[in-house]
Amino acid sequence: KEYVDLVEAGIIDPTKVLRIALENAVSVASVLLLTEATMTEIPEPAKERALEPEMPM
């Protein structure tokens, strides 16, 4: 990593750099939260019990 003076490096608006960095961080965080929320196990369907002939209706 290299730290430079933003104006000398040709980056005219350091506020815009910070805003875009925050937008990217929020985007990554929201993707991670959404992915964690949607990854679930699919439950197996319950097996139906057959009626036994001895059971009164």
Protein backbone atom coordinates (compact mmCIF):
# COMPACT_ATOMS: atom_id res chain seq x y z
CA LYS A 1 0.00 0.00 0.00
CA GLU A 2 1.19 3.45 -0.81
CA TYR A 3 0.00 6.65 0.81
CA VAL A 4 0.26 9.75 -1.34
CA ASP A 5 -0.95 13.33 -1.28
CA LEU A 6 -4.27 13.18 -3.14
CA VAL A 7 -3.84 16.56 -4.85
CA GLU A 8 -0.29 15.75 -6.02
CA ALA A 9 -1.45 12.35 -7.29
CA GLY A 10 -4.06 14.06 -9.46
CA ILE A 11 -7.09 13.18 -7.36
CA ILE A 12 -8.92 16.47 -7.38
CA ASP A 13 -11.81 15.74 -4.99
CA PRO A 14 -10.78 13.70 -1.91
CA THR A 15 -14.36 13.92 -0.60
CA LYS A 16 -15.59 12.00 -3.63
CA VAL A 17 -12.95 9.33 -3.00
CA LEU A 18 -14.19 8.89 0.57
CA ARG A 19 -17.85 8.80 -0.52
CA ILE A 20 -17.20 6.14 -3.17
CA ALA A 21 -15.14 4.07 -0.70
CA LEU A 22 -18.03 4.19 1.79
CA GLU A 23 -20.54 3.25 -0.94
CA ASN A 24 -18.42 0.24 -1.89
CA ALA A 25 -18.10 -0.83 1.74
CA VAL A 26 -21.86 -0.62 2.27
CA SER A 27 -22.46 -2.57 -0.93
CA VAL A 28 -20.16 -5.39 0.16
CA ALA A 29 -21.67 -5.48 3.65
CA SER A 30 -25.22 -5.66 2.29
CA VAL A 31 -24.30 -8.51 -0.07
CA LEU A 32 -22.78 -10.45 2.82
CA LEU A 33 -25.82 -9.88 5.03
CA LEU A 34 -28.23 -10.86 2.27
CA THR A 35 -26.23 -13.97 1.41
CA GLU A 36 -26.21 -15.09 5.04
CA ALA A 37 -29.95 -14.54 5.28
CA THR A 38 -30.78 -16.51 2.14
CA MET A 39 -28.56 -19.54 2.71
CA THR A 40 -30.87 -22.01 4.41
CA GLU A 41 -31.44 -25.73 4.33
CA ILE A 42 -34.46 -26.94 2.43
CA PRO A 43 -36.55 -29.07 4.80
CA GLU A 44 -37.54 -32.52 3.62
CA PRO A 45 -41.27 -32.93 3.06
CA ALA A 46 -43.10 -34.71 5.85
CA LYS A 47 -44.15 -38.23 5.04
CA GLU A 48 -47.88 -38.83 5.20
CA ARG A 49 -49.05 -41.67 7.41
CA ALA A 50 -51.32 -44.23 5.82
CA LEU A 51 -54.57 -44.87 7.67
CA GLU A 52 -54.62 -48.22 9.36
CA PRO A 53 -57.72 -50.34 8.61
CA GLU A 54 -58.43 -50.85 12.34
CA MET A 55 -58.86 -47.13 13.01
CA PRO A 56 -62.49 -46.01 13.26
CA MET A 57 -63.45 -43.03 11.14
